[in-house]
Amino acid sequence: MQADVVIDTKGMACPMPIVKAKKALDNLETGQVMEVLSTDKGSVNDFQAWVKQTNHELIKHEEDNGVFK
């Protein structure tokens, strides 16, 4: 799936990946897809909890050479 916007938060620790994603999400339209890149291992759990609280959808997550997408 093609992302409409990619947010690079590599090297940032919690809560910055969520903060950056929230700021970008405010500019997306319904149905658009955002990809977040993070090196913070805890960000996977953070995003899973965040999407449940905000009624957004986590389409998938994967890890590639220490980068979580």
Protein backbone atom coordinates (compact mmCIF):
# COMPACT_ATOMS: atom_id res chain seq x y z
CA MET A 1 0.00 0.00 0.00
CA GLN A 2 1.30 3.43 -0.94
CA ALA A 3 1.56 6.01 1.85
CA ASP A 4 0.26 9.52 1.20
CA VAL A 5 2.74 10.94 3.73
CA VAL A 6 5.84 9.49 5.42
CA ILE A 7 6.91 10.74 8.86
CA ASP A 8 10.54 10.04 9.76
CA THR A 9 11.01 9.88 13.53
CA LYS A 10 14.16 7.74 13.48
CA GLY A 11 16.40 8.55 16.45
CA MET A 12 13.54 10.07 18.45
CA ALA A 13 12.31 8.57 21.72
CA CYS A 14 8.82 8.46 23.19
CA PRO A 15 6.68 10.51 23.01
CA MET A 16 8.08 12.25 19.90
CA PRO A 17 7.03 9.64 17.29
CA ILE A 18 3.42 9.97 18.47
CA VAL A 19 3.65 13.77 18.66
CA LYS A 20 5.02 14.02 15.10
CA ALA A 21 2.43 11.55 13.82
CA LYS A 22 -0.43 13.42 15.50
CA LYS A 23 0.69 16.71 13.94
CA ALA A 24 0.86 15.13 10.47
CA LEU A 25 -2.43 13.31 10.95
CA ASP A 26 -4.24 16.61 11.48
CA ASN A 27 -3.44 17.47 7.83
CA LEU A 28 -4.63 14.19 6.31
CA GLU A 29 -8.01 13.64 4.74
CA THR A 30 -10.22 10.63 5.43
CA GLY A 31 -8.87 7.56 3.67
CA GLN A 32 -5.31 8.79 3.32
CA VAL A 33 -2.44 6.63 4.62
CA MET A 34 0.45 7.76 6.79
CA GLU A 35 3.66 5.77 7.28
CA VAL A 36 5.76 6.43 10.36
CA LEU A 37 9.42 5.37 10.52
CA SER A 38 10.84 4.91 14.01
CA THR A 39 13.87 3.34 15.67
CA ASP A 40 12.15 3.38 19.08
CA LYS A 41 11.19 -0.25 19.78
CA GLY A 42 8.43 0.89 22.15
CA SER A 43 6.76 2.88 19.40
CA VAL A 44 5.00 -0.23 18.06
CA ASN A 45 3.04 -0.68 21.29
CA ASP A 46 2.54 3.08 21.59
CA PHE A 47 0.99 3.32 18.14
CA GLN A 48 -1.20 0.26 18.68
CA ALA A 49 -2.66 1.88 21.81
CA TRP A 50 -2.90 5.32 20.19
CA VAL A 51 -4.91 4.16 17.17
CA LYS A 52 -7.41 2.41 19.44
CA GLN A 53 -7.91 5.59 21.46
CA THR A 54 -8.30 7.78 18.37
CA ASN A 55 -10.40 5.43 16.23
CA HIS A 56 -7.82 5.29 13.44
CA GLU A 57 -6.66 2.08 11.80
CA LEU A 58 -3.22 0.51 12.02
CA ILE A 59 -2.98 -1.22 8.65
CA LYS A 60 0.26 -3.06 9.38
CA HIS A 61 3.56 -2.78 11.14
CA GLU A 62 6.91 -4.27 10.27
CA GLU A 63 10.56 -4.03 11.25
CA ASP A 64 13.37 -3.65 8.72
CA ASN A 65 16.97 -3.44 9.99
CA GLY A 66 15.97 -1.78 13.26
CA VAL A 67 13.46 0.62 11.67
CA PHE A 68 9.84 0.11 12.64
CA LYS A 69 7.27 1.07 10.03
